[in-house]
């Protein structure tokens, strides 16, 4: 019998001990091996800022063109160092124009939708302040004419419907002239428009939160979630925060008072506005705030790293509700 020939094992590729050093400059890519330039890619002046901005993609293509089996090391040069490097290779480069173009690209592509959430949340806060100021001023103003009805009003919305109207019962209020009552009515219309605007902003925040942070929106509530993102600075910063920090967001003054004067530390901040806070005993609110912060921390991480595509809020909410039922 003939012996079967043994298959030769393929030889292992030999890798160079000396790594390939890729230098990333504002005007191109340069590969050095053993101190020698082995490959270069110089960009056109108009394309420098754009190519530098998306340099990671270009580096991958650049590596595939280098026929050396070795590890790669990156070296990014910038500022005065890049100007010296350009002179060394005889490259004319306008660094000032490059910086202007790069800044424009960073502004254009550095935008994220959580910035819209922050602005809308801040607008909602300002609108609430304006509504409260209008209500306080108008209740006193209209109270001169009809104090009894003002006392019976339980909400701003209810007050906006009756302010400026003529009395339908006997009152101890002053008998104001028609022009005075008319002016109060005009101010009342402005209050109505502010309330209507507040509803529109709230609806806008709810839709926006469901797009960029669906999990955070469901666990914290869209308005509370938006406020947390606003105070944190961005969805990214919120996702990177530990749950203990999220728990006291919005209670910075009380926290610093605790550090400076030794007062009791705050147990919650913005989370006090969460709808579940009113369903548990006051003594259990601290525990609930800690629980909420933990779930919101997980939700924010899912939203940020999946870019709002992954939805795990049902599992988080179910677990949250089970634990909340124990605190009631």
C-alpha atoms as a PDB file:
ATOM      1  CA  UNK A   1       0.000   0.000   0.000  1.00  0.00           C
ATOM      2  CA  UNK A   2       1.158   3.451  -0.867  1.00  0.00           C
ATOM      3  CA  UNK A   3       1.541   5.828   1.999  1.00  0.00           C
ATOM      4  CA  UNK A   4      -0.598   8.911   1.734  1.00  0.00           C
ATOM      5  CA  UNK A   5       1.461  12.055   1.440  1.00  0.00           C
ATOM      6  CA  UNK A   6       1.201  14.371   4.381  1.00  0.00           C
ATOM      7  CA  UNK A   7      -0.177  17.755   3.599  1.00  0.00           C
ATOM      8  CA  UNK A   8       2.256  20.513   4.205  1.00  0.00           C
ATOM      9  CA  UNK A   9       1.079  23.021   6.750  1.00  0.00           C
ATOM     10  CA  UNK A  10       1.009  26.560   5.420  1.00  0.00           C
ATOM     11  CA  UNK A  11       3.871  28.609   6.728  1.00  0.00           C
ATOM     12  CA  UNK A  12       2.949  31.222   9.271  1.00  0.00           C
ATOM     13  CA  UNK A  13       3.210  34.752   8.018  1.00  0.00           C
ATOM     14  CA  UNK A  14       6.218  36.458   9.458  1.00  0.00           C
ATOM     15  CA  UNK A  15       5.436  39.778  11.031  1.00  0.00           C
ATOM     16  CA  UNK A  16       8.026  42.490  11.191  1.00  0.00           C
ATOM     17  CA  UNK A  17       9.161  43.308  14.692  1.00  0.00           C
ATOM     18  CA  UNK A  18       9.383  46.985  13.880  1.00  0.00           C
ATOM     19  CA  UNK A  19       5.832  48.482  13.721  1.00  0.00           C
ATOM     20  CA  UNK A  20       4.543  50.676  10.908  1.00  0.00           C
ATOM     21  CA  UNK A  21       4.045  54.175  12.259  1.00  0.00           C
ATOM     22  CA  UNK A  22       1.173  56.021  10.600  1.00  0.00           C
ATOM     23  CA  UNK A  23       1.391  59.772  11.045  1.00  0.00           C
ATOM     24  CA  UNK A  24      -1.914  61.623  10.675  1.00  0.00           C
ATOM     25  CA  UNK A  25      -1.369  65.238   9.675  1.00  0.00           C
ATOM     26  CA  UNK A  26      -3.973  67.892   8.734  1.00  0.00           C
ATOM     27  CA  UNK A  27      -2.849  67.570   5.100  1.00  0.00           C
ATOM     28  CA  UNK A  28      -2.404  63.799   4.648  1.00  0.00           C
ATOM     29  CA  UNK A  29      -1.320  60.358   5.866  1.00  0.00           C
ATOM     30  CA  UNK A  30       2.263  59.139   6.099  1.00  0.00           C
ATOM     31  CA  UNK A  31       3.555  55.614   6.863  1.00  0.00           C
ATOM     32  CA  UNK A  32       7.055  55.067   8.267  1.00  0.00           C
ATOM     33  CA  UNK A  33       8.819  51.740   8.754  1.00  0.00           C
ATOM     34  CA  UNK A  34      12.274  51.441  10.280  1.00  0.00           C
ATOM     35  CA  UNK A  35      12.586  55.203  10.080  1.00  0.00           C
ATOM     36  CA  UNK A  36      11.872  55.344   6.341  1.00  0.00           C
ATOM     37  CA  UNK A  37       8.822  56.747   4.566  1.00  0.00           C
ATOM     38  CA  UNK A  38       7.114  53.816   2.805  1.00  0.00           C
ATOM     39  CA  UNK A  39       3.768  55.350   1.838  1.00  0.00           C
ATOM     40  CA  UNK A  40       2.164  58.782   1.751  1.00  0.00           C
ATOM     41  CA  UNK A  41      -1.203  60.191   0.811  1.00  0.00           C
ATOM     42  CA  UNK A  42      -1.356  63.977   0.466  1.00  0.00           C
ATOM     43  CA  UNK A  43      -4.798  65.547   0.293  1.00  0.00           C
ATOM     44  CA  UNK A  44      -5.938  68.427  -1.892  1.00  0.00           C
ATOM     45  CA  UNK A  45      -6.202  71.782  -0.020  1.00  0.00           C
ATOM     46  CA  UNK A  46     -10.014  71.857  -0.369  1.00  0.00           C
ATOM     47  CA  UNK A  47     -10.369  68.309   0.996  1.00  0.00           C
ATOM     48  CA  UNK A  48      -8.000  68.586   3.984  1.00  0.00           C
ATOM     49  CA  UNK A  49     -10.565  69.494   6.663  1.00  0.00           C
ATOM     50  CA  UNK A  50     -13.131  66.983   5.406  1.00  0.00           C
ATOM     51  CA  UNK A  51     -10.584  64.141   5.169  1.00  0.00           C
ATOM     52  CA  UNK A  52      -9.105  64.936   8.587  1.00  0.00           C
ATOM     53  CA  UNK A  53     -12.608  64.880  10.077  1.00  0.00           C
ATOM     54  CA  UNK A  54     -13.263  61.356   8.705  1.00  0.00           C
ATOM     55  CA  UNK A  55      -9.639  60.219   9.093  1.00  0.00           C
ATOM     56  CA  UNK A  56     -10.500  56.870  10.755  1.00  0.00           C
ATOM     57  CA  UNK A  57     -12.163  55.613   7.565  1.00  0.00           C
ATOM     58  CA  UNK A  58      -9.243  56.779   5.421  1.00  0.00           C
ATOM     59  CA  UNK A  59      -6.660  55.160   7.739  1.00  0.00           C
ATOM     60  CA  UNK A  60      -8.284  51.721   7.175  1.00  0.00           C
ATOM     61  CA  UNK A  61      -8.006  52.140   3.378  1.00  0.00           C
ATOM     62  CA  UNK A  62      -4.478  53.499   3.750  1.00  0.00           C
ATOM     63  CA  UNK A  63      -3.389  50.427   5.762  1.00  0.00           C
ATOM     64  CA  UNK A  64      -4.593  48.067   3.020  1.00  0.00           C
ATOM     65  CA  UNK A  65      -2.199  49.758   0.553  1.00  0.00           C
ATOM     66  CA  UNK A  66       0.881  49.089   2.721  1.00  0.00           C
ATOM     67  CA  UNK A  67       2.451  45.725   1.858  1.00  0.00           C
ATOM     68  CA  UNK A  68       4.206  45.223   5.196  1.00  0.00           C
ATOM     69  CA  UNK A  69       3.133  42.615   7.756  1.00  0.00           C
ATOM     70  CA  UNK A  70       3.531  44.482  11.004  1.00  0.00           C
ATOM     71  CA  UNK A  71       1.636  46.131  13.794  1.00  0.00           C
ATOM     72  CA  UNK A  72       0.471  49.706  13.343  1.00  0.00           C
ATOM     73  CA  UNK A  73       0.999  52.688  15.569  1.00  0.00           C
ATOM     74  CA  UNK A  74      -0.869  55.966  15.186  1.00  0.00           C
ATOM     75  CA  UNK A  75       0.742  59.342  15.599  1.00  0.00           C
ATOM     76  CA  UNK A  76      -1.489  62.421  15.300  1.00  0.00           C
ATOM     77  CA  UNK A  77       0.278  65.721  14.754  1.00  0.00           C
ATOM     78  CA  UNK A  78      -1.345  69.130  14.947  1.00  0.00           C
ATOM     79  CA  UNK A  79      -0.562  72.849  15.288  1.00  0.00           C
ATOM     80  CA  UNK A  80       3.097  73.995  15.110  1.00  0.00           C
ATOM     81  CA  UNK A  81       4.287  70.370  14.858  1.00  0.00           C
ATOM     82  CA  UNK A  82       2.263  69.855  11.650  1.00  0.00           C
ATOM     83  CA  UNK A  83       3.665  73.084  10.165  1.00  0.00           C
ATOM     84  CA  UNK A  84       7.234  71.821  10.710  1.00  0.00           C
ATOM     85  CA  UNK A  85       6.239  68.461   9.228  1.00  0.00           C
ATOM     86  CA  UNK A  86       4.814  70.203   6.118  1.00  0.00           C
ATOM     87  CA  UNK A  87       8.045  72.184   5.587  1.00  0.00           C
ATOM     88  CA  UNK A  88      10.072  68.977   5.907  1.00  0.00           C
ATOM     89  CA  UNK A  89       8.189  67.417   2.964  1.00  0.00           C
ATOM     90  CA  UNK A  90       7.859  70.675   1.027  1.00  0.00           C
ATOM     91  CA  UNK A  91       4.083  70.895   1.356  1.00  0.00           C
ATOM     92  CA  UNK A  92       2.368  74.283   1.189  1.00  0.00           C
ATOM     93  CA  UNK A  93      -0.396  74.356   3.776  1.00  0.00           C
ATOM     94  CA  UNK A  94      -2.726  77.098   5.045  1.00  0.00           C
ATOM     95  CA  UNK A  95      -3.302  76.049   8.662  1.00  0.00           C
ATOM     96  CA  UNK A  96      -5.638  78.965   9.464  1.00  0.00           C
ATOM     97  CA  UNK A  97      -8.043  78.119   6.615  1.00  0.00           C
ATOM     98  CA  UNK A  98      -7.902  74.440   7.624  1.00  0.00           C
ATOM     99  CA  UNK A  99      -8.944  75.303  11.206  1.00  0.00           C
ATOM    100  CA  UNK A 100     -11.902  77.401  10.004  1.00  0.00           C
ATOM    101  CA  UNK A 101     -13.126  74.598   7.710  1.00  0.00           C
ATOM    102  CA  UNK A 102     -12.636  71.950  10.435  1.00  0.00           C
ATOM    103  CA  UNK A 103     -14.548  74.029  12.998  1.00  0.00           C
ATOM    104  CA  UNK A 104     -17.466  74.388  10.561  1.00  0.00           C
ATOM    105  CA  UNK A 105     -17.553  70.605  10.060  1.00  0.00           C
ATOM    106  CA  UNK A 106     -17.442  69.953  13.804  1.00  0.00           C
ATOM    107  CA  UNK A 107     -20.373  72.329  14.334  1.00  0.00           C
ATOM    108  CA  UNK A 108     -22.348  70.805  11.462  1.00  0.00           C
ATOM    109  CA  UNK A 109     -21.810  67.130  12.330  1.00  0.00           C
ATOM    110  CA  UNK A 110     -21.500  67.613  16.082  1.00  0.00           C
ATOM    111  CA  UNK A 111     -25.220  68.302  16.400  1.00  0.00           C
ATOM    112  CA  UNK A 112     -27.367  65.743  18.218  1.00  0.00           C
ATOM    113  CA  UNK A 113     -31.102  65.734  18.873  1.00  0.00           C
ATOM    114  CA  UNK A 114     -30.678  65.726  22.635  1.00  0.00           C
ATOM    115  CA  UNK A 115     -29.744  69.419  22.262  1.00  0.00           C
ATOM    116  CA  UNK A 116     -33.308  70.004  21.035  1.00  0.00           C
ATOM    117  CA  UNK A 117     -34.594  68.205  24.139  1.00  0.00           C
ATOM    118  CA  UNK A 118     -32.480  70.480  26.365  1.00  0.00           C
ATOM    119  CA  UNK A 119     -33.756  73.647  24.686  1.00  0.00           C
ATOM    120  CA  UNK A 120     -37.388  72.473  24.758  1.00  0.00           C
ATOM    121  CA  UNK A 121     -37.107  71.454  28.426  1.00  0.00           C
ATOM    122  CA  UNK A 122     -35.630  74.850  29.340  1.00  0.00           C
ATOM    123  CA  UNK A 123     -38.393  76.565  27.351  1.00  0.00           C
ATOM    124  CA  UNK A 124     -40.999  74.570  29.274  1.00  0.00           C
ATOM    125  CA  UNK A 125     -39.456  75.680  32.591  1.00  0.00           C
ATOM    126  CA  UNK A 126     -39.475  79.332  31.490  1.00  0.00           C
ATOM    127  CA  UNK A 127     -43.078  79.033  30.305  1.00  0.00           C
ATOM    128  CA  UNK A 128     -44.128  77.563  33.664  1.00  0.00           C
ATOM    129  CA  UNK A 129     -42.484  80.503  35.445  1.00  0.00           C
ATOM    130  CA  UNK A 130     -44.312  82.963  33.174  1.00  0.00           C
ATOM    131  CA  UNK A 131     -47.651  81.209  33.748  1.00  0.00           C
ATOM    132  CA  UNK A 132     -47.144  81.338  37.521  1.00  0.00           C
ATOM    133  CA  UNK A 133     -46.216  85.036  37.360  1.00  0.00           C
ATOM    134  CA  UNK A 134     -49.284  85.816  35.227  1.00  0.00           C
ATOM    135  CA  UNK A 135     -51.525  83.820  37.542  1.00  0.00           C
ATOM    136  CA  UNK A 136     -50.166  85.515  40.664  1.00  0.00           C
ATOM    137  CA  UNK A 137     -50.540  89.002  39.173  1.00  0.00           C
ATOM    138  CA  UNK A 138     -53.951  88.415  37.568  1.00  0.00           C
ATOM    139  CA  UNK A 139     -55.484  86.717  40.608  1.00  0.00           C
ATOM    140  CA  UNK A 140     -54.650  89.815  42.639  1.00  0.00           C
ATOM    141  CA  UNK A 141     -55.757  92.200  39.867  1.00  0.00           C
ATOM    142  CA  UNK A 142     -59.041  90.407  39.073  1.00  0.00           C
ATOM    143  CA  UNK A 143     -59.522  89.850  42.826  1.00  0.00           C
ATOM    144  CA  UNK A 144     -60.235  93.570  43.214  1.00  0.00           C
ATOM    145  CA  UNK A 145     -63.342  93.033  41.091  1.00  0.00           C
ATOM    146  CA  UNK A 146     -64.502  89.522  42.062  1.00  0.00           C
ATOM    147  CA  UNK A 147     -62.556  88.137  45.080  1.00  0.00           C
ATOM    148  CA  UNK A 148     -65.043  85.330  45.835  1.00  0.00           C
ATOM    149  CA  UNK A 149     -64.569  83.567  42.477  1.00  0.00           C
ATOM    150  CA  UNK A 150     -60.788  83.842  42.749  1.00  0.00           C
ATOM    151  CA  UNK A 151     -60.897  82.084  46.119  1.00  0.00           C
ATOM    152  CA  UNK A 152     -62.917  79.202  44.653  1.00  0.00           C
ATOM    153  CA  UNK A 153     -60.506  78.556  41.772  1.00  0.00           C
ATOM    154  CA  UNK A 154     -58.318  75.448  42.202  1.00  0.00           C
ATOM    155  CA  UNK A 155     -56.045  75.608  39.144  1.00  0.00           C
ATOM    156  CA  UNK A 156     -54.457  78.016  36.671  1.00  0.00           C
ATOM    157  CA  UNK A 157     -56.412  76.469  33.791  1.00  0.00           C
ATOM    158  CA  UNK A 158     -59.706  77.006  35.621  1.00  0.00           C
ATOM    159  CA  UNK A 159     -58.744  80.598  36.452  1.00  0.00           C
ATOM    160  CA  UNK A 160     -57.856  81.383  32.804  1.00  0.00           C
ATOM    161  CA  UNK A 161     -61.436  80.505  31.761  1.00  0.00           C
ATOM    162  CA  UNK A 162     -63.150  82.992  34.119  1.00  0.00           C
ATOM    163  CA  UNK A 163     -60.653  85.886  34.360  1.00  0.00           C
ATOM    164  CA  UNK A 164     -62.005  89.114  32.845  1.00  0.00           C
ATOM    165  CA  UNK A 165     -65.652  87.993  32.876  1.00  0.00           C
ATOM    166  CA  UNK A 166     -68.408  90.086  34.458  1.00  0.00           C
ATOM    167  CA  UNK A 167     -69.798  89.060  37.850  1.00  0.00           C
ATOM    168  CA  UNK A 168     -72.867  86.843  38.003  1.00  0.00           C
ATOM    169  CA  UNK A 169     -73.441  87.214  41.754  1.00  0.00           C
ATOM    170  CA  UNK A 170     -73.270  89.805  44.467  1.00  0.00           C
ATOM    171  CA  UNK A 171     -69.717  90.582  45.512  1.00  0.00           C
ATOM    172  CA  UNK A 172     -67.784  92.658  47.989  1.00  0.00           C
ATOM    173  CA  UNK A 173     -65.344  93.597  45.171  1.00  0.00           C
ATOM    174  CA  UNK A 174     -64.857  97.035  43.624  1.00  0.00           C
ATOM    175  CA  UNK A 175     -67.058  98.138  40.729  1.00  0.00           C
ATOM    176  CA  UNK A 176     -64.445  98.522  38.013  1.00  0.00           C
ATOM    177  CA  UNK A 177     -65.034 100.450  34.804  1.00  0.00           C
ATOM    178  CA  UNK A 178     -65.499  98.657  31.503  1.00  0.00           C
ATOM    179  CA  UNK A 179     -62.035  99.669  30.212  1.00  0.00           C
ATOM    180  CA  UNK A 180     -60.364  98.288  33.349  1.00  0.00           C
ATOM    181  CA  UNK A 181     -62.200  94.966  33.103  1.00  0.00           C
ATOM    182  CA  UNK A 182     -61.371  94.803  29.386  1.00  0.00           C
ATOM    183  CA  UNK A 183     -57.641  95.153  30.115  1.00  0.00           C
ATOM    184  CA  UNK A 184     -57.822  92.319  32.674  1.00  0.00           C
ATOM    185  CA  UNK A 185     -59.559  90.200  30.005  1.00  0.00           C
ATOM    186  CA  UNK A 186     -56.734  90.910  27.506  1.00  0.00           C
ATOM    187  CA  UNK A 187     -54.175  89.789  30.090  1.00  0.00           C
ATOM    188  CA  UNK A 188     -56.318  86.676  30.662  1.00  0.00           C
ATOM    189  CA  UNK A 189     -56.143  85.852  26.941  1.00  0.00           C
ATOM    190  CA  UNK A 190     -52.352  86.022  27.136  1.00  0.00           C
ATOM    191  CA  UNK A 191     -52.465  83.588  30.042  1.00  0.00           C
ATOM    192  CA  UNK A 192     -54.592  81.216  27.941  1.00  0.00           C
ATOM    193  CA  UNK A 193     -52.108  81.411  25.059  1.00  0.00           C
ATOM    194  CA  UNK A 194     -49.237  80.614  27.437  1.00  0.00           C
ATOM    195  CA  UNK A 195     -51.094  77.549  28.742  1.00  0.00           C
ATOM    196  CA  UNK A 196     -51.767  76.458  25.152  1.00  0.00           C
ATOM    197  CA  UNK A 197     -48.097  76.972  24.261  1.00  0.00           C
ATOM    198  CA  UNK A 198     -47.040  74.934  27.305  1.00  0.00           C
ATOM    199  CA  UNK A 199     -49.172  72.006  26.077  1.00  0.00           C
ATOM    200  CA  UNK A 200     -47.586  72.219  22.607  1.00  0.00           C
ATOM    201  CA  UNK A 201     -44.053  72.220  24.035  1.00  0.00           C
ATOM    202  CA  UNK A 202     -44.930  69.264  26.311  1.00  0.00           C
ATOM    203  CA  UNK A 203     -46.280  67.284  23.325  1.00  0.00           C
ATOM    204  CA  UNK A 204     -43.168  68.162  21.321  1.00  0.00           C
ATOM    205  CA  UNK A 205     -40.898  66.902  24.137  1.00  0.00           C
ATOM    206  CA  UNK A 206     -42.891  63.648  24.402  1.00  0.00           C
ATOM    207  CA  UNK A 207     -42.490  62.924  20.667  1.00  0.00           C
ATOM    208  CA  UNK A 208     -38.811  63.880  20.675  1.00  0.00           C
ATOM    209  CA  UNK A 209     -38.044  61.750  23.731  1.00  0.00           C
ATOM    210  CA  UNK A 210     -39.793  58.747  22.165  1.00  0.00           C
ATOM    211  CA  UNK A 211     -37.399  59.103  19.186  1.00  0.00           C
ATOM    212  CA  UNK A 212     -34.029  59.599  20.871  1.00  0.00           C
ATOM    213  CA  UNK A 213     -34.561  58.131  24.358  1.00  0.00           C
ATOM    214  CA  UNK A 214     -37.593  55.784  24.345  1.00  0.00           C
ATOM    215  CA  UNK A 215     -36.426  53.751  27.345  1.00  0.00           C
ATOM    216  CA  UNK A 216     -35.634  56.794  29.496  1.00  0.00           C
ATOM    217  CA  UNK A 217     -38.941  58.347  28.434  1.00  0.00           C
ATOM    218  CA  UNK A 218     -40.936  55.322  29.606  1.00  0.00           C
ATOM    219  CA  UNK A 219     -39.079  54.823  32.894  1.00  0.00           C
ATOM    220  CA  UNK A 220     -38.681  58.455  33.985  1.00  0.00           C
ATOM    221  CA  UNK A 221     -41.588  59.949  32.049  1.00  0.00           C
ATOM    222  CA  UNK A 222     -40.911  62.178  29.005  1.00  0.00           C
ATOM    223  CA  UNK A 223     -40.842  65.495  30.886  1.00  0.00           C
ATOM    224  CA  UNK A 224     -38.800  64.239  33.854  1.00  0.00           C
ATOM    225  CA  UNK A 225     -36.474  62.392  31.455  1.00  0.00           C
ATOM    226  CA  UNK A 226     -36.004  65.556  29.374  1.00  0.00           C
ATOM    227  CA  UNK A 227     -35.255  67.550  32.533  1.00  0.00           C
ATOM    228  CA  UNK A 228     -32.632  64.984  33.592  1.00  0.00           C
ATOM    229  CA  UNK A 229     -30.944  65.219  30.181  1.00  0.00           C
ATOM    230  CA  UNK A 230     -31.054  69.018  30.403  1.00  0.00           C
ATOM    231  CA  UNK A 231     -29.439  69.168  33.861  1.00  0.00           C
ATOM    232  CA  UNK A 232     -26.890  66.455  32.979  1.00  0.00           C
ATOM    233  CA  UNK A 233     -25.908  68.366  29.807  1.00  0.00           C
ATOM    234  CA  UNK A 234     -26.586  65.628  27.250  1.00  0.00           C
ATOM    235  CA  UNK A 235     -27.866  62.077  26.913  1.00  0.00           C
ATOM    236  CA  UNK A 236     -24.252  60.894  26.758  1.00  0.00           C
ATOM    237  CA  UNK A 237     -23.413  62.539  30.103  1.00  0.00           C
ATOM    238  CA  UNK A 238     -26.566  61.110  31.670  1.00  0.00           C
ATOM    239  CA  UNK A 239     -25.652  57.619  30.413  1.00  0.00           C
ATOM    240  CA  UNK A 240     -22.150  57.942  31.884  1.00  0.00           C
ATOM    241  CA  UNK A 241     -23.395  59.090  35.305  1.00  0.00           C
ATOM    242  CA  UNK A 242     -23.660  56.645  38.222  1.00  0.00           C
ATOM    243  CA  UNK A 243     -27.188  56.135  39.559  1.00  0.00           C
ATOM    244  CA  UNK A 244     -26.253  57.894  42.832  1.00  0.00           C
ATOM    245  CA  UNK A 245     -25.596  61.108  40.878  1.00  0.00           C
ATOM    246  CA  UNK A 246     -28.817  60.789  38.848  1.00  0.00           C
ATOM    247  CA  UNK A 247     -30.728  60.398  42.131  1.00  0.00           C
ATOM    248  CA  UNK A 248     -29.747  63.885  43.350  1.00  0.00           C
ATOM    249  CA  UNK A 249     -29.709  65.739  40.005  1.00  0.00           C
ATOM    250  CA  UNK A 250     -31.473  69.049  40.532  1.00  0.00           C
ATOM    251  CA  UNK A 251     -30.673  69.134  44.259  1.00  0.00           C
ATOM    252  CA  UNK A 252     -27.210  70.658  43.891  1.00  0.00           C
ATOM    253  CA  UNK A 253     -27.846  73.475  46.395  1.00  0.00           C
ATOM    254  CA  UNK A 254     -28.933  71.045  49.108  1.00  0.00           C
ATOM    255  CA  UNK A 255     -25.961  68.819  48.325  1.00  0.00           C
ATOM    256  CA  UNK A 256     -23.436  71.665  48.665  1.00  0.00           C
ATOM    257  CA  UNK A 257     -25.177  72.794  51.845  1.00  0.00           C
ATOM    258  CA  UNK A 258     -24.673  69.273  53.200  1.00  0.00           C
ATOM    259  CA  UNK A 259     -20.959  69.358  52.269  1.00  0.00           C
ATOM    260  CA  UNK A 260     -20.335  72.831  53.711  1.00  0.00           C
ATOM    261  CA  UNK A 261     -22.584  72.956  56.747  1.00  0.00           C
ATOM    262  CA  UNK A 262     -23.170  69.296  57.540  1.00  0.00           C
ATOM    263  CA  UNK A 263     -26.944  69.392  56.986  1.00  0.00           C
ATOM    264  CA  UNK A 264     -28.851  66.254  55.959  1.00  0.00           C
ATOM    265  CA  UNK A 265     -27.935  65.082  52.437  1.00  0.00           C
ATOM    266  CA  UNK A 266     -30.690  65.300  49.794  1.00  0.00           C
ATOM    267  CA  UNK A 267     -32.441  62.040  48.931  1.00  0.00           C
ATOM    268  CA  UNK A 268     -33.799  63.176  45.567  1.00  0.00           C
ATOM    269  CA  UNK A 269     -33.883  66.115  43.185  1.00  0.00           C
ATOM    270  CA  UNK A 270     -35.766  66.152  39.880  1.00  0.00           C
ATOM    271  CA  UNK A 271     -37.039  62.631  40.614  1.00  0.00           C
ATOM    272  CA  UNK A 272     -39.452  64.104  43.156  1.00  0.00           C
ATOM    273  CA  UNK A 273     -41.587  65.085  40.113  1.00  0.00           C
ATOM    274  CA  UNK A 274     -41.909  61.441  39.036  1.00  0.00           C
ATOM    275  CA  UNK A 275     -45.519  60.224  39.100  1.00  0.00           C
ATOM    276  CA  UNK A 276     -44.635  57.190  41.263  1.00  0.00           C
ATOM    277  CA  UNK A 277     -43.346  59.463  44.054  1.00  0.00           C
ATOM    278  CA  UNK A 278     -46.917  60.348  45.003  1.00  0.00           C
ATOM    279  CA  UNK A 279     -47.940  56.685  45.244  1.00  0.00           C
ATOM    280  CA  UNK A 280     -45.602  55.778  48.116  1.00  0.00           C
ATOM    281  CA  UNK A 281     -45.263  56.973  51.706  1.00  0.00           C
ATOM    282  CA  UNK A 282     -43.047  59.976  52.285  1.00  0.00           C
ATOM    283  CA  UNK A 283     -40.679  57.845  54.384  1.00  0.00           C
ATOM    284  CA  UNK A 284     -40.152  55.518  51.401  1.00  0.00           C
ATOM    285  CA  UNK A 285     -39.459  58.248  48.831  1.00  0.00           C
ATOM    286  CA  UNK A 286     -35.701  58.021  49.353  1.00  0.00           C
ATOM    287  CA  UNK A 287     -35.750  54.281  48.602  1.00  0.00           C
ATOM    288  CA  UNK A 288     -37.928  54.867  45.552  1.00  0.00           C
ATOM    289  CA  UNK A 289     -35.612  57.630  44.283  1.00  0.00           C
ATOM    290  CA  UNK A 290     -32.651  55.220  44.554  1.00  0.00           C
ATOM    291  CA  UNK A 291     -34.607  52.545  42.689  1.00  0.00           C
ATOM    292  CA  UNK A 292     -35.726  54.969  39.967  1.00  0.00           C
ATOM    293  CA  UNK A 293     -32.207  56.336  39.512  1.00  0.00           C
ATOM    294  CA  UNK A 294     -30.880  52.795  39.034  1.00  0.00           C
ATOM    295  CA  UNK A 295     -33.443  51.966  36.321  1.00  0.00           C
ATOM    296  CA  UNK A 296     -33.044  55.362  34.603  1.00  0.00           C
ATOM    297  CA  UNK A 297     -29.269  54.842  34.529  1.00  0.00           C
ATOM    298  CA  UNK A 298     -29.744  51.530  32.687  1.00  0.00           C
ATOM    299  CA  UNK A 299     -32.364  53.040  30.341  1.00  0.00           C
ATOM    300  CA  UNK A 300     -30.123  56.017  29.469  1.00  0.00           C
ATOM    301  CA  UNK A 301     -27.211  53.694  28.645  1.00  0.00           C
ATOM    302  CA  UNK A 302     -29.406  51.586  26.351  1.00  0.00           C
ATOM    303  CA  UNK A 303     -30.735  54.715  24.607  1.00  0.00           C
ATOM    304  CA  UNK A 304     -27.319  56.296  24.092  1.00  0.00           C
ATOM    305  CA  UNK A 305     -25.354  53.248  22.952  1.00  0.00           C
ATOM    306  CA  UNK A 306     -28.151  51.895  20.714  1.00  0.00           C
ATOM    307  CA  UNK A 307     -29.052  55.414  19.471  1.00  0.00           C
ATOM    308  CA  UNK A 308     -32.656  54.912  20.564  1.00  0.00           C
ATOM    309  CA  UNK A 309     -33.131  51.775  18.438  1.00  0.00           C
ATOM    310  CA  UNK A 310     -33.121  49.149  21.196  1.00  0.00           C
ATOM    311  CA  UNK A 311     -36.224  49.121  23.389  1.00  0.00           C
ATOM    312  CA  UNK A 312     -35.965  47.313  26.719  1.00  0.00           C
ATOM    313  CA  UNK A 313     -38.277  49.530  28.763  1.00  0.00           C
ATOM    314  CA  UNK A 314     -40.975  46.865  29.260  1.00  0.00           C
ATOM    315  CA  UNK A 315     -38.641  44.620  31.285  1.00  0.00           C
ATOM    316  CA  UNK A 316     -37.300  47.566  33.286  1.00  0.00           C
ATOM    317  CA  UNK A 317     -40.778  48.961  33.958  1.00  0.00           C
ATOM    318  CA  UNK A 318     -42.159  45.567  35.038  1.00  0.00           C
ATOM    319  CA  UNK A 319     -39.298  45.082  37.500  1.00  0.00           C
ATOM    320  CA  UNK A 320     -39.727  48.659  38.752  1.00  0.00           C
ATOM    321  CA  UNK A 321     -43.468  48.268  39.355  1.00  0.00           C
ATOM    322  CA  UNK A 322     -42.954  45.008  41.266  1.00  0.00           C
ATOM    323  CA  UNK A 323     -40.448  46.667  43.615  1.00  0.00           C
ATOM    324  CA  UNK A 324     -42.601  49.812  43.990  1.00  0.00           C
ATOM    325  CA  UNK A 325     -45.551  47.662  45.129  1.00  0.00           C
ATOM    326  CA  UNK A 326     -43.391  46.544  48.092  1.00  0.00           C
ATOM    327  CA  UNK A 327     -42.820  50.176  49.149  1.00  0.00           C
ATOM    328  CA  UNK A 328     -46.489  51.189  49.244  1.00  0.00           C
END
